Amino acid sequence: MNRILATARTEFRIALRNRWVAIAIGLMALFALVLSAAGSAPTGGLGVDRLSVTVASLTSLAVYLVPLVALLMSFDAVAGEVERGTLPLLLTYPGARVEILVGKLLAHLAVLAVAVVVGYGLAAGAAFWVDPASASGLGPLLRLTWTSILLGATFLGAGYALSSLARRPSGAAGLAIGLWLGAVVLYDLGLLAAVVADNGGWFTTEAFPLALLANPADAFRLFNLAASEASAAGAGVSGAAGAIPLWQSALSVTAWPLLALTLATVAFRKVTP
């Protein structure tokens, strides 16, 4: 544990020096406040409080922004060490490679958690300032907060795996952007095309729910929209959120970080100094 914490402290200082803490907090705060301001219009029509509408909007924001920030922080975690020539020195320290990855994960996850808490906190404060009767949205907001951190952990682990496989920051950056586009954007477009082509057949009724759960971004969105009173603001997956049992989306959300870290560990073990 001491070796893990030592690695985490070092990585956190590096994140501070590279302005990642400020960048992550700034991005989350800016977009959260913009969505909070934009989400005031539909509250009367939906008949729900301002914070519930804000949470539904923040769910859509987190699906895109949290994985992107996580991948940008993690894509050179191993490849950067290789390029700078510091990996042999790092591996001479006592401790397993998984401890190095866990230390990096704790540091990057701390940066992401601070950004998420600040961003969501500002959005919640703005919602309460406009609508003091927004207390019913606190539960979904807390759920959104810890699931956003788990979503970030998933893509941090994926970034470490890509960084280990590429072994060069430039290649790892390309793979990270490709993963983000595939998992967050193109995956849903592919599912939509398949559902339209299937026209209510086997894929729509049987495979489609499983395909949603197989994607950490979609599982995150389903889990949070199922708890939101304003799920109509959730961009077309609210029907699926009601059809898929909550425990299944919760299992996917919690299992993906462990799977991503396992894949990263396997990939890192194959990296030679």
Protein backbone atom coordinates (compact mmCIF):
# COMPACT_ATOMS: atom_id res chain seq x y z
CA MET A 1 0.00 0.00 0.00
CA ASN A 2 2.86 2.40 0.74
CA ARG A 3 4.30 1.80 -2.75
CA ILE A 4 0.90 2.43 -4.33
CA LEU A 5 0.42 5.66 -2.38
CA ALA A 6 3.94 6.82 -3.22
CA THR A 7 3.24 6.31 -6.93
CA ALA A 8 -0.11 8.07 -6.57
CA ARG A 9 1.47 11.11 -4.91
CA THR A 10 4.09 11.36 -7.64
CA GLU A 11 1.53 11.08 -10.42
CA PHE A 12 -0.74 13.65 -8.76
CA ARG A 13 2.13 16.13 -8.57
CA ILE A 14 2.83 15.50 -12.25
CA ALA A 15 -0.85 16.16 -13.04
CA LEU A 16 -0.67 19.42 -11.10
CA ARG A 17 2.48 20.45 -12.94
CA ASN A 18 0.97 19.60 -16.33
CA ARG A 19 -2.17 21.62 -15.51
CA TRP A 20 -4.41 18.56 -15.80
CA VAL A 21 -6.13 19.37 -12.51
CA ALA A 22 -6.99 22.89 -13.67
CA ILE A 23 -8.00 21.72 -17.15
CA ALA A 24 -10.29 18.96 -15.87
CA ILE A 25 -11.95 21.19 -13.29
CA GLY A 26 -12.34 24.02 -15.80
CA LEU A 27 -13.95 21.78 -18.41
CA MET A 28 -16.39 20.15 -16.02
CA ALA A 29 -17.34 23.45 -14.36
CA LEU A 30 -17.84 25.27 -17.65
CA PHE A 31 -19.99 22.64 -19.33
CA ALA A 32 -21.96 21.87 -16.16
CA LEU A 33 -22.88 25.54 -15.70
CA VAL A 34 -23.82 25.91 -19.37
CA LEU A 35 -26.09 22.84 -19.20
CA SER A 36 -27.57 24.06 -15.93
CA ALA A 37 -28.45 27.38 -17.53
CA ALA A 38 -29.82 25.74 -20.67
CA GLY A 39 -31.86 23.23 -18.69
CA SER A 40 -34.13 25.80 -17.08
CA ALA A 41 -36.51 26.03 -20.02
CA PRO A 42 -38.20 22.57 -19.92
CA THR A 43 -38.77 22.33 -16.18
CA GLY A 44 -42.31 23.69 -16.31
CA GLY A 45 -43.33 21.44 -19.18
CA LEU A 46 -41.95 18.30 -17.54
CA GLY A 47 -43.42 19.07 -14.14
CA VAL A 48 -40.21 18.24 -12.29
CA ASP A 49 -37.76 20.28 -10.28
CA ARG A 50 -34.82 22.12 -11.80
CA LEU A 51 -32.15 19.85 -10.34
CA SER A 52 -33.73 16.69 -11.80
CA VAL A 53 -33.64 18.24 -15.27
CA THR A 54 -30.05 19.34 -14.67
CA VAL A 55 -29.07 15.80 -13.65
CA ALA A 56 -30.54 14.40 -16.87
CA SER A 57 -28.54 16.95 -18.86
CA LEU A 58 -25.38 16.24 -16.86
CA THR A 59 -25.78 12.54 -17.64
CA SER A 60 -25.51 13.29 -21.35
CA LEU A 61 -22.53 15.55 -20.67
CA ALA A 62 -20.71 12.94 -18.58
CA VAL A 63 -21.09 10.23 -21.24
CA TYR A 64 -18.99 12.33 -23.63
CA LEU A 65 -16.73 14.42 -21.42
CA VAL A 66 -15.67 12.05 -18.62
CA PRO A 67 -14.29 9.32 -20.94
CA LEU A 68 -12.51 11.95 -23.04
CA VAL A 69 -10.80 13.56 -20.04
CA ALA A 70 -9.87 10.13 -18.65
CA LEU A 71 -8.29 9.02 -21.93
CA LEU A 72 -6.40 12.29 -22.33
CA MET A 73 -4.90 11.85 -18.87
CA SER A 74 -3.97 8.19 -19.31
CA PHE A 75 -2.87 7.68 -22.91
CA ASP A 76 0.81 8.40 -22.15
CA ALA A 77 0.93 6.82 -18.69
CA VAL A 78 3.12 3.98 -19.98
CA ALA A 79 4.10 5.19 -23.45
CA GLY A 80 5.40 8.43 -21.95
CA GLU A 81 7.58 6.52 -19.50
CA VAL A 82 8.98 4.46 -22.39
CA GLU A 83 9.72 7.52 -24.55
CA ARG A 84 11.36 9.45 -21.71
CA GLY A 85 13.43 6.43 -20.74
CA THR A 86 12.12 6.44 -17.17
CA LEU A 87 10.36 3.07 -17.33
CA PRO A 88 13.51 0.99 -16.52
CA LEU A 89 14.10 3.15 -13.43
CA LEU A 90 10.45 2.84 -12.42
CA LEU A 91 10.57 -0.94 -12.72
CA THR A 92 13.69 -1.18 -10.54
CA TYR A 93 11.68 -0.04 -7.53
CA PRO A 94 10.25 -2.83 -5.36
CA GLY A 95 6.67 -3.63 -6.21
CA ALA A 96 4.61 -5.36 -8.85
CA ARG A 97 3.56 -3.70 -12.09
CA VAL A 98 -0.07 -3.80 -11.02
CA GLU A 99 0.88 -1.62 -8.03
CA ILE A 100 2.33 0.97 -10.41
CA LEU A 101 -0.89 1.00 -12.43
CA VAL A 102 -3.06 1.20 -9.32
CA GLY A 103 -0.98 4.14 -8.06
CA LYS A 104 -1.40 5.95 -11.38
CA LEU A 105 -5.11 5.12 -11.34
CA LEU A 106 -5.60 6.57 -7.84
CA ALA A 107 -3.89 9.82 -8.81
CA HIS A 108 -5.75 10.29 -12.07
CA LEU A 109 -9.02 9.23 -10.46
CA ALA A 110 -8.49 11.83 -7.73
CA VAL A 111 -8.09 14.53 -10.39
CA LEU A 112 -11.23 13.34 -12.15
CA ALA A 113 -13.20 13.08 -8.91
CA VAL A 114 -12.32 16.65 -7.92
CA ALA A 115 -13.39 17.88 -11.37
CA VAL A 116 -16.67 15.95 -11.23
CA VAL A 117 -17.55 17.11 -7.71
CA VAL A 118 -16.75 20.75 -8.52
CA GLY A 119 -18.64 20.69 -11.82
CA TYR A 120 -21.72 18.93 -10.51
CA GLY A 121 -21.64 20.97 -7.31
CA LEU A 122 -21.71 24.23 -9.24
CA ALA A 123 -24.58 22.96 -11.38
CA ALA A 124 -26.51 21.87 -8.28
CA GLY A 125 -25.88 25.23 -6.64
CA ALA A 126 -27.22 27.03 -9.70
CA ALA A 127 -30.29 24.77 -9.72
CA PHE A 128 -31.03 25.44 -6.04
CA TRP A 129 -30.51 29.16 -6.55
CA VAL A 130 -33.22 29.22 -9.24
CA ASP A 131 -35.49 26.55 -7.73
CA PRO A 132 -35.11 26.11 -3.95
CA ALA A 133 -37.49 23.09 -4.07
CA SER A 134 -34.94 20.91 -5.84
CA ALA A 135 -34.10 18.56 -2.98
CA SER A 136 -35.70 15.57 -4.73
CA GLY A 137 -32.91 15.68 -7.30
CA LEU A 138 -30.12 15.17 -4.76
CA GLY A 139 -30.36 11.38 -4.84
CA PRO A 140 -29.95 11.14 -8.64
CA LEU A 141 -27.14 13.71 -8.42
CA LEU A 142 -25.21 11.61 -5.90
CA ARG A 143 -25.74 8.53 -8.05
CA LEU A 144 -24.51 10.43 -11.09
CA THR A 145 -21.40 11.55 -9.18
CA TRP A 146 -20.13 8.14 -8.11
CA THR A 147 -21.06 6.48 -11.39
CA SER A 148 -19.19 9.21 -13.28
CA ILE A 149 -16.09 8.39 -11.23
CA LEU A 150 -16.50 4.69 -12.06
CA LEU A 151 -16.95 5.56 -15.75
CA GLY A 152 -13.75 7.57 -15.55
CA ALA A 153 -11.95 4.64 -13.91
CA THR A 154 -13.04 2.39 -16.78
CA PHE A 155 -11.57 4.67 -19.43
CA LEU A 156 -8.46 5.34 -17.37
CA GLY A 157 -7.81 1.60 -17.33
CA ALA A 158 -8.51 1.42 -21.06
CA GLY A 159 -6.07 4.28 -21.61
CA TYR A 160 -3.34 2.45 -19.68
CA ALA A 161 -3.93 -0.65 -21.81
CA LEU A 162 -3.67 1.33 -25.05
CA SER A 163 -0.58 3.14 -23.75
CA SER A 164 1.07 -0.21 -23.02
CA LEU A 165 0.19 -1.61 -26.42
CA ALA A 166 1.29 1.44 -28.42
CA ARG A 167 4.49 2.20 -26.44
CA ARG A 168 4.67 5.62 -28.15
CA PRO A 169 2.60 8.63 -27.03
CA SER A 170 1.64 9.54 -30.60
CA GLY A 171 0.31 6.06 -31.31
CA ALA A 172 -1.40 5.86 -27.93
CA ALA A 173 -3.10 9.22 -28.55
CA GLY A 174 -4.50 7.99 -31.85
CA LEU A 175 -5.76 4.78 -30.26
CA ALA A 176 -7.33 6.73 -27.38
CA ILE A 177 -9.25 9.05 -29.69
CA GLY A 178 -10.32 6.05 -31.77
CA LEU A 179 -11.59 4.29 -28.64
CA TRP A 180 -13.52 7.39 -27.56
CA LEU A 181 -15.15 7.78 -30.97
CA GLY A 182 -15.96 4.08 -31.17
CA ALA A 183 -17.34 3.61 -27.65
CA VAL A 184 -19.14 6.94 -27.20
CA VAL A 185 -20.25 7.96 -30.70
CA LEU A 186 -20.05 5.23 -33.36
CA TYR A 187 -21.24 2.37 -31.14
CA ASP A 188 -24.66 3.93 -30.60
CA LEU A 189 -24.97 4.86 -34.27
CA GLY A 190 -24.25 1.25 -35.20
CA LEU A 191 -26.87 0.00 -32.76
CA LEU A 192 -29.41 2.47 -34.11
CA ALA A 193 -28.78 1.33 -37.67
CA ALA A 194 -29.11 -2.31 -36.61
CA VAL A 195 -32.39 -1.65 -34.80
CA VAL A 196 -33.83 0.14 -37.83
CA ALA A 197 -32.74 -2.67 -40.14
CA ASP A 198 -34.07 -5.33 -37.76
CA ASN A 199 -37.55 -3.74 -37.68
CA GLY A 200 -38.61 -5.18 -34.35
CA GLY A 201 -37.03 -8.59 -34.79
CA TRP A 202 -34.68 -10.71 -32.70
CA PHE A 203 -31.91 -8.13 -32.47
CA THR A 204 -34.24 -5.45 -31.12
CA THR A 205 -35.86 -7.65 -28.50
CA GLU A 206 -32.98 -9.88 -27.45
CA ALA A 207 -29.54 -8.59 -28.52
CA PHE A 208 -30.09 -4.84 -28.23
CA PRO A 209 -30.34 -4.72 -24.40
CA LEU A 210 -27.24 -6.89 -24.06
CA ALA A 211 -25.37 -4.69 -26.54
CA LEU A 212 -26.19 -1.64 -24.46
CA LEU A 213 -24.94 -3.30 -21.28
CA ALA A 214 -21.73 -4.35 -23.04
CA ASN A 215 -20.75 -0.70 -23.54
CA PRO A 216 -19.69 1.07 -20.31
CA ALA A 217 -20.91 4.44 -21.61
CA ASP A 218 -24.38 3.11 -22.43
CA ALA A 219 -24.62 1.17 -19.17
CA PHE A 220 -23.74 4.36 -17.29
CA ARG A 221 -26.43 6.30 -19.14
CA LEU A 222 -29.07 3.60 -18.61
CA PHE A 223 -28.33 3.33 -14.90
CA ASN A 224 -28.64 7.07 -14.32
CA LEU A 225 -31.64 7.69 -16.55
CA ALA A 226 -33.53 4.94 -14.74
CA ALA A 227 -33.26 7.04 -11.56
CA SER A 228 -34.08 10.37 -13.17
CA GLU A 229 -37.55 11.87 -13.09
CA ALA A 230 -36.60 13.87 -16.17
CA SER A 231 -35.40 10.94 -18.26
CA ALA A 232 -37.16 12.36 -21.28
CA ALA A 233 -34.25 14.76 -21.49
CA GLY A 234 -31.89 11.80 -21.85
CA ALA A 235 -31.69 11.63 -25.63
CA GLY A 236 -33.61 8.58 -26.72
CA VAL A 237 -32.53 5.81 -24.36
CA SER A 238 -35.10 6.41 -21.61
CA GLY A 239 -37.27 3.61 -23.00
CA ALA A 240 -34.39 1.17 -22.78
CA ALA A 241 -33.60 2.44 -19.27
CA GLY A 242 -37.07 1.39 -18.17
CA ALA A 243 -36.96 -1.99 -19.93
CA ILE A 244 -33.57 -3.19 -18.65
CA PRO A 245 -33.46 -4.26 -14.97
CA LEU A 246 -31.59 -1.78 -12.81
CA TRP A 247 -29.31 -4.45 -11.33
CA GLN A 248 -27.99 -5.35 -14.77
CA SER A 249 -26.90 -1.80 -15.61
CA ALA A 250 -25.49 -1.41 -12.08
CA LEU A 251 -23.47 -4.62 -12.51
CA SER A 252 -22.06 -3.40 -15.82
CA VAL A 253 -21.13 0.00 -14.36
CA THR A 254 -19.27 -1.55 -11.41
CA ALA A 255 -17.65 -4.44 -13.30
CA TRP A 256 -16.12 -2.44 -16.16
CA PRO A 257 -13.47 -0.62 -14.05
CA LEU A 258 -12.14 -3.95 -12.75
CA LEU A 259 -12.12 -5.44 -16.25
CA ALA A 260 -10.33 -2.40 -17.69
CA LEU A 261 -7.66 -2.51 -14.95
CA THR A 262 -7.17 -6.23 -15.56
CA LEU A 263 -6.67 -5.65 -19.29
CA ALA A 264 -4.24 -2.81 -18.55
CA THR A 265 -2.24 -5.03 -16.19
CA VAL A 266 -1.99 -7.81 -18.78
CA ALA A 267 -0.86 -5.34 -21.44
CA PHE A 268 1.65 -3.65 -19.09
CA ARG A 269 3.26 -6.97 -18.20
CA LYS A 270 4.21 -7.42 -21.85
CA VAL A 271 6.06 -4.09 -21.99
CA THR A 272 9.82 -4.53 -21.83
CA PRO A 273 12.06 -1.65 -20.64
